[in-house]
PDB file of all heavy atoms in Angstrom:
ATOM      1  N   VAL A   1     102.117  83.806 100.412  1.00  0.00           N
ATOM      2  CA  VAL A   1     100.880  83.597 101.184  1.00  0.00           C
ATOM      3  C   VAL A   1      99.953  84.820 100.991  1.00  0.00           C
ATOM      4  O   VAL A   1      98.758  84.607 100.793  1.00  0.00           O
ATOM      5  CB  VAL A   1     101.224  83.333 102.666  1.00  0.00           C
ATOM      6  CG1 VAL A   1      99.971  83.303 103.511  1.00  0.00           C
ATOM      7  CG2 VAL A   1     101.966  82.033 102.807  1.00  0.00           C
ATOM      8  N   CYS A   2     100.505  85.985 101.070  1.00  0.00           N
ATOM      9  CA  CYS A   2      99.649  87.171 100.970  1.00  0.00           C
ATOM     10  C   CYS A   2      99.042  87.308  99.548  1.00  0.00           C
ATOM     11  O   CYS A   2      97.850  87.687  99.437  1.00  0.00           O
ATOM     12  CB  CYS A   2     100.481  88.422 101.281  1.00  0.00           C
ATOM     13  SG  CYS A   2     100.849  88.606 103.056  1.00  0.00           S
ATOM     14  N   LEU A   3      99.799  86.907  98.523  1.00  0.00           N
ATOM     15  CA  LEU A   3      99.221  86.905  97.169  1.00  0.00           C
ATOM     16  C   LEU A   3      98.097  85.908  97.071  1.00  0.00           C
ATOM     17  O   LEU A   3      97.132  86.161  96.336  1.00  0.00           O
ATOM     18  CB  LEU A   3     100.334  86.608  96.139  1.00  0.00           C
ATOM     19  CG  LEU A   3     101.355  87.758  95.943  1.00  0.00           C
ATOM     20  CD1 LEU A   3     102.495  87.261  95.048  1.00  0.00           C
ATOM     21  CD2 LEU A   3     100.687  88.975  95.307  1.00  0.00           C
ATOM     22  N   ARG A   4      98.247  84.842  97.750  1.00  0.00           N
ATOM     23  CA  ARG A   4      97.168  83.793  97.703  1.00  0.00           C
ATOM     24  C   ARG A   4      95.961  84.209  98.516  1.00  0.00           C
ATOM     25  O   ARG A   4      94.816  83.941  98.125  1.00  0.00           O
ATOM     26  CB  ARG A   4      97.716  82.466  98.328  1.00  0.00           C
ATOM     27  CG  ARG A   4      96.829  81.299  98.102  1.00  0.00           C
ATOM     28  CD  ARG A   4      97.487  79.972  98.280  1.00  0.00           C
ATOM     29  NE  ARG A   4      97.909  79.748  99.664  1.00  0.00           N
ATOM     30  CZ  ARG A   4      99.220  79.694 100.126  1.00  0.00           C
ATOM     31  NH1 ARG A   4     100.188  79.794  99.249  1.00  0.00           N
ATOM     32  NH2 ARG A   4      99.442  79.435 101.354  1.00  0.00           N
ATOM     33  N   ILE A   5      96.139  85.013  99.580  1.00  0.00           N
ATOM     34  CA  ILE A   5      95.038  85.499 100.371  1.00  0.00           C
ATOM     35  C   ILE A   5      94.250  86.605  99.643  1.00  0.00           C
ATOM     36  O   ILE A   5      93.007  86.707  99.758  1.00  0.00           O
ATOM     37  CB  ILE A   5      95.518  86.030 101.707  1.00  0.00           C
ATOM     38  CG1 ILE A   5      96.082  84.947 102.589  1.00  0.00           C
ATOM     39  CG2 ILE A   5      94.408  86.762 102.502  1.00  0.00           C
ATOM     40  CD1 ILE A   5      96.833  85.466 103.822  1.00  0.00           C
ATOM     41  N   ARG A   6      94.956  87.448  98.918  1.00  0.00           N
ATOM     42  CA  ARG A   6      94.348  88.686  98.412  1.00  0.00           C
ATOM     43  C   ARG A   6      93.003  88.474  97.703  1.00  0.00           C
ATOM     44  O   ARG A   6      92.061  89.258  97.987  1.00  0.00           O
ATOM     45  CB  ARG A   6      95.379  89.332  97.474  1.00  0.00           C
ATOM     46  CG  ARG A   6      94.927  90.732  97.031  1.00  0.00           C
ATOM     47  CD  ARG A   6      95.951  91.380  96.083  1.00  0.00           C
ATOM     48  NE  ARG A   6      95.579  92.711  95.716  1.00  0.00           N
ATOM     49  CZ  ARG A   6      94.613  93.012  94.785  1.00  0.00           C
ATOM     50  NH1 ARG A   6      94.040  92.008  94.155  1.00  0.00           N
ATOM     51  NH2 ARG A   6      94.262  94.281  94.539  1.00  0.00           N
ATOM     52  N   PRO A   7      92.851  87.578  96.785  1.00  0.00           N
ATOM     53  CA  PRO A   7      91.613  87.478  96.024  1.00  0.00           C
ATOM     54  C   PRO A   7      90.436  87.092  96.990  1.00  0.00           C
ATOM     55  O   PRO A   7      89.273  87.395  96.649  1.00  0.00           O
ATOM     56  CB  PRO A   7      91.805  86.362  95.047  1.00  0.00           C
ATOM     57  CG  PRO A   7      93.294  86.231  94.943  1.00  0.00           C
ATOM     58  CD  PRO A   7      93.849  86.590  96.243  1.00  0.00           C
ATOM     59  N   HIS A   8      90.711  86.530  98.177  1.00  0.00           N
ATOM     60  CA  HIS A   8      89.634  86.083  99.044  1.00  0.00           C
ATOM     61  C   HIS A   8      89.450  87.034 100.273  1.00  0.00           C
ATOM     62  O   HIS A   8      88.628  86.722 101.114  1.00  0.00           O
ATOM     63  CB  HIS A   8      89.987  84.695  99.521  1.00  0.00           C
ATOM     64  CG  HIS A   8      90.305  83.759  98.437  1.00  0.00           C
ATOM     65  ND1 HIS A   8      89.413  83.223  97.552  1.00  0.00           N
ATOM     66  CD2 HIS A   8      91.499  83.206  98.054  1.00  0.00           C
ATOM     67  CE1 HIS A   8      89.980  82.407  96.686  1.00  0.00           C
ATOM     68  NE2 HIS A   8      91.330  82.394  96.977  1.00  0.00           N
ATOM     69  N   ALA A   9      90.196  88.105 100.314  1.00  0.00           N
ATOM     70  CA  ALA A   9      90.168  88.979 101.448  1.00  0.00           C
ATOM     71  C   ALA A   9      88.875  89.887 101.308  1.00  0.00           C
ATOM     72  O   ALA A   9      88.757  90.689 100.360  1.00  0.00           O
ATOM     73  CB  ALA A   9      91.391  89.907 101.518  1.00  0.00           C
ATOM     74  N   GLY A  10      87.953  89.706 102.244  1.00  0.00           N
ATOM     75  CA  GLY A  10      86.729  90.433 102.188  1.00  0.00           C
ATOM     76  C   GLY A  10      86.875  91.826 102.773  1.00  0.00           C
ATOM     77  O   GLY A  10      86.271  92.790 102.249  1.00  0.00           O
ATOM     78  N   ASP A  11      87.647  91.964 103.790  1.00  0.00           N
ATOM     79  CA  ASP A  11      87.848  93.285 104.460  1.00  0.00           C
ATOM     80  C   ASP A  11      88.754  94.105 103.583  1.00  0.00           C
ATOM     81  O   ASP A  11      89.856  93.729 103.245  1.00  0.00           O
ATOM     82  CB  ASP A  11      88.467  93.057 105.869  1.00  0.00           C
ATOM     83  CG  ASP A  11      88.632  94.425 106.560  1.00  0.00           C
ATOM     84  OD1 ASP A  11      87.642  94.859 107.150  1.00  0.00           O
ATOM     85  OD2 ASP A  11      89.738  94.952 106.470  1.00  0.00           O
ATOM     86  N   PRO A  12      88.405  95.384 103.227  1.00  0.00           N
ATOM     87  CA  PRO A  12      89.212  96.270 102.398  1.00  0.00           C
ATOM     88  C   PRO A  12      90.543  96.486 102.959  1.00  0.00           C
ATOM     89  O   PRO A  12      91.530  96.545 102.213  1.00  0.00           O
ATOM     90  CB  PRO A  12      88.348  97.565 102.303  1.00  0.00           C
ATOM     91  CG  PRO A  12      86.990  97.131 102.640  1.00  0.00           C
ATOM     92  CD  PRO A  12      87.086  96.036 103.605  1.00  0.00           C
ATOM     93  N   TRP A  13      90.680  96.712 104.299  1.00  0.00           N
ATOM     94  CA  TRP A  13      92.002  96.976 104.894  1.00  0.00           C
ATOM     95  C   TRP A  13      92.871  95.750 104.858  1.00  0.00           C
ATOM     96  O   TRP A  13      94.100  95.886 104.624  1.00  0.00           O
ATOM     97  CB  TRP A  13      91.741  97.465 106.346  1.00  0.00           C
ATOM     98  CG  TRP A  13      91.342  98.875 106.428  1.00  0.00           C
ATOM     99  CD1 TRP A  13      90.095  99.336 106.752  1.00  0.00           C
ATOM    100  CD2 TRP A  13      92.135 100.066 106.075  1.00  0.00           C
ATOM    101  NE1 TRP A  13      90.021 100.714 106.649  1.00  0.00           N
ATOM    102  CE2 TRP A  13      91.274 101.201 106.256  1.00  0.00           C
ATOM    103  CE3 TRP A  13      93.428 100.273 105.682  1.00  0.00           C
ATOM    104  CZ2 TRP A  13      91.703 102.462 106.052  1.00  0.00           C
ATOM    105  CZ3 TRP A  13      93.913 101.565 105.479  1.00  0.00           C
ATOM    106  CH2 TRP A  13      92.969 102.677 105.650  1.00  0.00           C
ATOM    107  N   LEU A  14      92.285  94.595 105.040  1.00  0.00           N
ATOM    108  CA  LEU A  14      93.094  93.381 104.918  1.00  0.00           C
ATOM    109  C   LEU A  14      93.590  93.200 103.480  1.00  0.00           C
ATOM    110  O   LEU A  14      94.766  92.887 103.238  1.00  0.00           O
ATOM    111  CB  LEU A  14      92.244  92.165 105.319  1.00  0.00           C
ATOM    112  CG  LEU A  14      92.934  90.783 105.149  1.00  0.00           C
ATOM    113  CD1 LEU A  14      94.194  90.707 105.966  1.00  0.00           C
ATOM    114  CD2 LEU A  14      91.947  89.637 105.475  1.00  0.00           C
ATOM    115  N   ARG A  15      92.728  93.490 102.520  1.00  0.00           N
ATOM    116  CA  ARG A  15      93.121  93.373 101.110  1.00  0.00           C
ATOM    117  C   ARG A  15      94.234  94.328 100.743  1.00  0.00           C
ATOM    118  O   ARG A  15      95.199  94.022 100.089  1.00  0.00           O
ATOM    119  CB  ARG A  15      91.909  93.622 100.203  1.00  0.00           C
ATOM    120  CG  ARG A  15      92.194  93.326  98.757  1.00  0.00           C
ATOM    121  CD  ARG A  15      90.895  93.160  97.908  1.00  0.00           C
ATOM    122  NE  ARG A  15      90.012  94.281  98.071  1.00  0.00           N
ATOM    123  CZ  ARG A  15      88.847  94.281  98.774  1.00  0.00           C
ATOM    124  NH1 ARG A  15      88.474  93.219  99.412  1.00  0.00           N
ATOM    125  NH2 ARG A  15      88.100  95.362  98.829  1.00  0.00           N
ATOM    126  N   ARG A  16      94.158  95.545 101.310  1.00  0.00           N
ATOM    127  CA  ARG A  16      95.254  96.538 101.045  1.00  0.00           C
ATOM    128  C   ARG A  16      96.541  96.062 101.737  1.00  0.00           C
ATOM    129  O   ARG A  16      97.617  96.173 101.174  1.00  0.00           O
ATOM    130  CB  ARG A  16      94.853  97.917 101.632  1.00  0.00           C
ATOM    131  CG  ARG A  16      93.684  98.584 100.928  1.00  0.00           C
ATOM    132  CD  ARG A  16      93.471 100.006 101.454  1.00  0.00           C
ATOM    133  NE  ARG A  16      92.234 100.518 100.962  1.00  0.00           N
ATOM    134  CZ  ARG A  16      91.089 100.711 101.596  1.00  0.00           C
ATOM    135  NH1 ARG A  16      91.019 100.267 102.893  1.00  0.00           N
ATOM    136  NH2 ARG A  16      90.041 101.186 101.077  1.00  0.00           N
ATOM    137  N   GLY A  17      96.417  95.593 102.959  1.00  0.00           N
ATOM    138  CA  GLY A  17      97.600  95.091 103.690  1.00  0.00           C
ATOM    139  C   GLY A  17      98.337  93.991 102.997  1.00  0.00           C
ATOM    140  O   GLY A  17      99.543  94.009 102.744  1.00  0.00           O
ATOM    141  N   VAL A  18      97.601  92.985 102.565  1.00  0.00           N
ATOM    142  CA  VAL A  18      98.222  91.790 101.926  1.00  0.00           C
ATOM    143  C   VAL A  18      98.708  92.172 100.519  1.00  0.00           C
ATOM    144  O   VAL A  18      99.626  91.530  99.988  1.00  0.00           O
ATOM    145  CB  VAL A  18      97.289  90.575 101.826  1.00  0.00           C
ATOM    146  CG1 VAL A  18      96.994  90.082 103.262  1.00  0.00           C
ATOM    147  CG2 VAL A  18      96.031  90.836 101.074  1.00  0.00           C
ATOM    148  N   SER A  19      98.227  93.234  99.929  1.00  0.00           N
ATOM    149  CA  SER A  19      98.649  93.733  98.650  1.00  0.00           C
ATOM    150  C   SER A  19      99.999  94.437  98.815  1.00  0.00           C
ATOM    151  O   SER A  19     100.831  94.386  97.886  1.00  0.00           O
ATOM    152  CB  SER A  19      97.649  94.635  97.982  1.00  0.00           C
ATOM    153  OG  SER A  19      96.485  94.002  97.755  1.00  0.00           O
ATOM    154  N   LEU A  20     100.168  95.099  99.925  1.00  0.00           N
ATOM    155  CA  LEU A  20     101.382  95.816 100.150  1.00  0.00           C
ATOM    156  C   LEU A  20     102.604  95.043 100.614  1.00  0.00           C
ATOM    157  O   LEU A  20     103.758  95.342 100.418  1.00  0.00           O
ATOM    158  CB  LEU A  20     101.154  96.951 101.195  1.00  0.00           C
ATOM    159  CG  LEU A  20     100.359  98.149 100.742  1.00  0.00           C
ATOM    160  CD1 LEU A  20     100.022  99.107 101.898  1.00  0.00           C
ATOM    161  CD2 LEU A  20     101.073  98.906  99.651  1.00  0.00           C
ATOM    162  N   VAL A  21     102.257  93.863 101.224  1.00  0.00           N
ATOM    163  CA  VAL A  21     103.356  93.025 101.726  1.00  0.00           C
ATOM    164  C   VAL A  21     104.353  92.601 100.671  1.00  0.00           C
ATOM    165  O   VAL A  21     105.582  92.690 100.825  1.00  0.00           O
ATOM    166  CB  VAL A  21     102.802  91.708 102.483  1.00  0.00           C
ATOM    167  CG1 VAL A  21     103.902  90.706 102.723  1.00  0.00           C
ATOM    168  CG2 VAL A  21     102.152  92.165 103.804  1.00  0.00           C
ATOM    169  N   PRO A  22     103.888  92.109  99.460  1.00  0.00           N
ATOM    170  CA  PRO A  22     104.864  91.713  98.432  1.00  0.00           C
ATOM    171  C   PRO A  22     105.763  92.896  97.997  1.00  0.00           C
ATOM    172  O   PRO A  22     106.922  92.697  97.638  1.00  0.00           O
ATOM    173  CB  PRO A  22     104.011  91.216  97.333  1.00  0.00           C
ATOM    174  CG  PRO A  22     102.751  90.765  97.940  1.00  0.00           C
ATOM    175  CD  PRO A  22     102.539  91.724  99.072  1.00  0.00           C
ATOM    176  N   VAL A  23     105.212  94.117  98.036  1.00  0.00           N
ATOM    177  CA  VAL A  23     105.990  95.271  97.675  1.00  0.00           C
ATOM    178  C   VAL A  23     107.116  95.494  98.710  1.00  0.00           C
ATOM    179  O   VAL A  23     108.297  95.700  98.403  1.00  0.00           O
ATOM    180  CB  VAL A  23     105.155  96.567  97.588  1.00  0.00           C
ATOM    181  CG1 VAL A  23     105.973  97.793  97.273  1.00  0.00           C
ATOM    182  CG2 VAL A  23     104.054  96.356  96.542  1.00  0.00           C
ATOM    183  N   GLY A  24     106.749  95.380  99.997  1.00  0.00           N
ATOM    184  CA  GLY A  24     107.782  95.495 101.012  1.00  0.00           C
ATOM    185  C   GLY A  24     108.811  94.395 100.972  1.00  0.00           C
ATOM    186  O   GLY A  24     109.991  94.637 101.221  1.00  0.00           O
ATOM    187  N   VAL A  25     108.355  93.194 100.602  1.00  0.00           N
ATOM    188  CA  VAL A  25     109.299  92.055 100.459  1.00  0.00           C
ATOM    189  C   VAL A  25     110.347  92.358  99.444  1.00  0.00           C
ATOM    190  O   VAL A  25     111.568  92.005  99.596  1.00  0.00           O
ATOM    191  CB  VAL A  25     108.548  90.785 100.094  1.00  0.00           C
ATOM    192  CG1 VAL A  25     109.488  89.667  99.638  1.00  0.00           C
ATOM    193  CG2 VAL A  25     107.778  90.289 101.367  1.00  0.00           C
TER     194      VAL A  25
END
């Protein structure tokens, strides 16, 4: 879900957050 959100995340902090989630997974 986070990988799907990432390209559409307008907020920089949201984009960073959803980018880090797969790493934590």
